[in-house]
C-alpha cells in the first residue's frame, strides 16, 4: 500500500463525481477520499478518527489515522468553490484558511513522527487567485509533483492582513506536492505533504 495508490483512486472517484455533476461539498470531498482510503489500504472504518483534538493548539484536525502503512497520519481537507448565491468569493480569507490548515498540520507533534497531508480541491476562482502574480503565491498552486517549497514568515509577510490574521502563530514549514490533477468542471486537486516545523 502507498499513499499514491490512495490518491490515484481518490482522483479517479473525483473525476467520476464531478463528471456526473453531483452536488459537491467539502464533506463530499472527504467521504470520497475515505472511500479511496478504505478500498486501497488495510485501514478499517473505525480506525479513521474525525475531528481529532489537536494535541498542541486549540481546535481539531480533520482526520487522524493511528496507523497508515505503520505511520500515524493526519489530514486536513479544504474545498473552495464559487458561491452558489453569486456572492463574491472571499479569496484572501479562503487562502488564509487554507494556510491555517497547513499551520495546524505542521504543529501536529511527534513522536512518533506522523505523515501530514493537506487535501485541497478548488474550482477556477481560487486557482486564478493563486496563479495571479499580483497576489504573490509563487509556485504554491502549480508546484510540480515531488517538488518542495518553503512556507515561512518571509513568505507570509507580503500577503493581505485578512490572510495573515487567519494563521494563529509563526509558520515555518516545507510543502511537498504529493499529487496534482486537473478535474472536470474546471476543478483542480492538489495534495501537499506538510513537513514538520
Protein backbone atom coordinates (compact mmCIF):
# COMPACT_ATOMS: atom_id res chain seq x y z
CA UNK A 1 0.00 0.00 0.00
CA UNK A 2 1.18 3.52 -0.78
CA UNK A 3 -0.40 6.92 -0.46
CA UNK A 4 -0.01 7.23 -4.25
CA UNK A 5 -2.46 4.36 -4.73
CA UNK A 6 -4.97 6.11 -2.47
CA UNK A 7 -4.53 9.43 -4.27
CA UNK A 8 -4.86 7.79 -7.68
CA UNK A 9 -8.17 6.19 -6.66
CA UNK A 10 -9.36 9.39 -4.96
CA UNK A 11 -8.60 11.37 -8.12
CA UNK A 12 -10.45 8.79 -10.23
CA UNK A 13 -13.51 8.96 -7.98
CA UNK A 14 -13.47 12.77 -8.03
CA UNK A 15 -13.38 12.65 -11.84
CA UNK A 16 -16.49 10.44 -11.79
CA UNK A 17 -18.27 12.62 -9.24
CA UNK A 18 -17.63 15.93 -10.99
CA UNK A 19 -18.32 14.50 -14.45
CA UNK A 20 -21.72 13.35 -13.19
CA UNK A 21 -22.46 16.86 -11.94
CA UNK A 22 -23.18 15.59 -8.42
CA UNK A 23 -23.69 18.30 -5.80
CA UNK A 24 -20.32 18.52 -4.08
CA UNK A 25 -19.35 20.00 -0.72
CA UNK A 26 -16.25 19.70 1.45
CA UNK A 27 -17.87 16.72 3.20
CA UNK A 28 -18.37 15.09 -0.21
CA UNK A 29 -14.65 15.50 -0.92
CA UNK A 30 -13.75 13.99 2.46
CA UNK A 31 -16.03 11.00 2.08
CA UNK A 32 -14.79 10.36 -1.44
CA UNK A 33 -11.26 10.32 -0.04
CA UNK A 34 -12.32 7.86 2.68
CA UNK A 35 -13.81 5.51 0.08
CA UNK A 36 -10.46 5.55 -1.74
CA UNK A 37 -8.56 5.07 1.53
CA UNK A 38 -10.63 2.12 2.73
CA UNK A 39 -10.63 0.42 -0.68
CA UNK A 40 -6.87 0.71 -1.24
CA UNK A 41 -5.42 0.09 2.25
CA UNK A 42 -5.85 -2.17 5.25
CA UNK A 43 -7.32 0.71 7.25
CA UNK A 44 -10.74 -0.13 8.67
CA UNK A 45 -13.57 2.37 9.09
CA UNK A 46 -13.31 2.52 12.89
CA UNK A 47 -9.61 3.46 12.57
CA UNK A 48 -10.46 6.72 10.80
CA UNK A 49 -10.91 9.33 13.53
CA UNK A 50 -12.68 12.53 12.51
CA UNK A 51 -12.39 15.90 14.26
CA UNK A 52 -9.44 14.73 16.36
CA UNK A 53 -8.44 17.21 19.11
CA UNK A 54 -5.16 18.85 18.18
CA UNK A 55 -2.61 17.96 20.88
CA UNK A 56 -0.80 21.33 20.99
CA UNK A 57 -3.07 24.09 19.67
CA UNK A 58 -6.72 24.98 20.06
CA UNK A 59 -9.11 23.21 17.71
CA UNK A 60 -9.26 19.96 15.84
CA UNK A 61 -7.58 18.22 12.96
CA UNK A 62 -9.98 16.92 10.28
CA UNK A 63 -8.73 13.34 10.28
CA UNK A 64 -6.36 11.24 12.35
CA UNK A 65 -5.40 7.68 11.39
CA UNK A 66 -3.30 5.94 14.08
CA UNK A 67 -1.53 3.76 11.50
CA UNK A 68 -1.43 4.09 7.73
CA UNK A 69 1.27 1.74 6.48
CA UNK A 70 2.69 1.73 10.02
CA UNK A 71 2.79 5.52 10.38
CA UNK A 72 0.32 7.84 12.13
CA UNK A 73 -1.30 10.13 9.56
CA UNK A 74 -3.11 13.44 9.95
CA UNK A 75 -5.12 15.07 7.16
CA UNK A 76 -6.80 18.42 6.64
CA UNK A 77 -9.34 18.89 3.84
CA UNK A 78 -10.31 22.13 2.12
CA UNK A 79 -12.75 22.65 -0.73
CA UNK A 80 -13.19 26.11 -2.22
CA UNK A 81 -15.76 26.82 -4.91
CA UNK A 82 -17.87 29.55 -6.40
CA UNK A 83 -20.65 30.59 -4.01
CA UNK A 84 -23.97 29.34 -5.41
CA UNK A 85 -25.75 32.57 -4.40
CA UNK A 86 -23.45 34.53 -6.69
CA UNK A 87 -21.85 36.46 -3.81
CA UNK A 88 -18.22 37.40 -4.18
CA UNK A 89 -15.82 34.68 -3.07
CA UNK A 90 -13.67 35.97 -0.15
CA UNK A 91 -10.41 34.93 -1.79
CA UNK A 92 -7.85 36.29 0.75
CA UNK A 93 -9.91 34.77 3.57
CA UNK A 94 -10.12 31.41 1.78
CA UNK A 95 -6.37 31.47 1.17
CA UNK A 96 -5.72 32.34 4.82
CA UNK A 97 -7.91 29.46 5.99
CA UNK A 98 -6.02 27.09 3.70
CA UNK A 99 -2.67 28.16 5.13
CA UNK A 100 -4.12 27.95 8.66
CA UNK A 101 -4.73 24.26 7.85
CA UNK A 102 -1.06 23.98 6.87
CA UNK A 103 -0.13 25.59 10.20
CA UNK A 104 -2.26 23.06 12.15
CA UNK A 105 -0.65 20.17 10.28
CA UNK A 106 2.89 21.47 10.76
CA UNK A 107 2.26 21.84 14.51
CA UNK A 108 1.00 18.29 14.98
CA UNK A 109 3.64 16.85 17.31
CA UNK A 110 5.89 13.84 17.26
CA UNK A 111 6.85 11.24 18.43
CA UNK A 112 6.06 9.23 16.57
CA UNK A 113 6.54 11.43 13.52
CA UNK A 114 3.23 11.48 11.60
CA UNK A 115 2.65 11.91 7.91
CA UNK A 116 0.77 15.18 7.38
CA UNK A 117 -1.37 15.82 4.29
CA UNK A 118 -3.38 18.76 3.04
CA UNK A 119 -6.03 17.69 0.52
CA UNK A 120 -7.18 20.73 -1.45
CA UNK A 121 -9.86 20.85 -4.13
CA UNK A 122 -10.99 24.08 -5.73
CA UNK A 123 -12.64 25.44 -8.82
CA UNK A 124 -11.33 28.06 -11.23
CA UNK A 125 -11.89 31.05 -8.93
CA UNK A 126 -9.24 30.21 -6.32
CA UNK A 127 -7.00 28.67 -8.99
CA UNK A 128 -6.97 32.03 -10.79
CA UNK A 129 -6.36 33.84 -7.50
CA UNK A 130 -3.34 31.70 -6.58
CA UNK A 131 -1.94 31.96 -10.12
CA UNK A 132 -2.24 35.75 -10.27
CA UNK A 133 1.34 37.09 -9.88
CA UNK A 134 -0.02 40.17 -8.10
CA UNK A 135 -1.18 38.01 -5.19
CA UNK A 136 2.37 36.70 -4.61
CA UNK A 137 1.76 33.00 -4.00
CA UNK A 138 4.61 32.00 -6.29
CA UNK A 139 4.82 28.32 -7.12
CA UNK A 140 2.31 27.19 -4.46
CA UNK A 141 -0.64 26.22 -6.64
CA UNK A 142 1.38 24.87 -9.56
CA UNK A 143 4.15 23.21 -7.56
CA UNK A 144 5.18 20.16 -9.63
CA UNK A 145 4.61 16.75 -8.13
CA UNK A 146 7.58 15.80 -5.98
CA UNK A 147 8.88 19.37 -5.68
CA UNK A 148 9.25 21.19 -2.37
CA UNK A 149 8.74 24.81 -1.37
CA UNK A 150 9.25 26.71 1.88
CA UNK A 151 6.42 28.48 3.68
CA UNK A 152 7.67 30.76 6.44
CA UNK A 153 7.28 34.28 7.81
CA UNK A 154 9.12 35.76 4.83
CA UNK A 155 6.63 34.06 2.50
CA UNK A 156 3.64 35.25 4.53
CA UNK A 157 4.67 38.82 5.35
CA UNK A 158 3.67 40.33 1.98
CA UNK A 159 0.17 38.80 1.99
CA UNK A 160 -3.00 40.69 2.90
CA UNK A 161 -3.93 41.43 6.51
CA UNK A 162 -7.03 39.25 6.07
CA UNK A 163 -4.79 36.34 5.05
CA UNK A 164 -2.27 36.82 7.87
CA UNK A 165 -4.96 37.04 10.58
CA UNK A 166 -6.15 33.52 9.77
CA UNK A 167 -2.83 31.95 10.80
CA UNK A 168 -2.69 31.60 14.57
CA UNK A 169 1.09 31.63 15.03
CA UNK A 170 4.51 31.52 13.43
CA UNK A 171 4.55 29.27 10.40
CA UNK A 172 7.77 27.72 9.18
CA UNK A 173 7.45 24.52 7.20
CA UNK A 174 8.05 22.86 3.88
CA UNK A 175 5.43 21.64 1.44
CA UNK A 176 5.96 18.74 -0.94
CA UNK A 177 3.47 18.33 -3.77
CA UNK A 178 2.20 14.75 -3.42
CA UNK A 179 -0.49 14.97 -6.12
CA UNK A 180 -1.71 17.43 -8.74
CA UNK A 181 -4.65 16.80 -11.04
CA UNK A 182 -6.94 18.81 -13.28
CA UNK A 183 -10.54 17.67 -12.78
CA UNK A 184 -13.84 18.16 -14.67
CA UNK A 185 -15.98 21.27 -14.16
CA UNK A 186 -12.83 23.48 -14.00
CA UNK A 187 -11.79 21.88 -10.72
CA UNK A 188 -8.27 21.28 -9.51
CA UNK A 189 -6.97 18.78 -6.99
CA UNK A 190 -3.79 19.40 -5.02
CA UNK A 191 -2.40 17.25 -2.23
CA UNK A 192 0.57 18.50 -0.23
CA UNK A 193 2.72 16.67 2.27
CA UNK A 194 3.40 19.11 5.12
CA UNK A 195 6.81 18.80 6.72
CA UNK A 196 7.30 19.30 10.48
CA UNK A 197 8.32 22.74 11.73
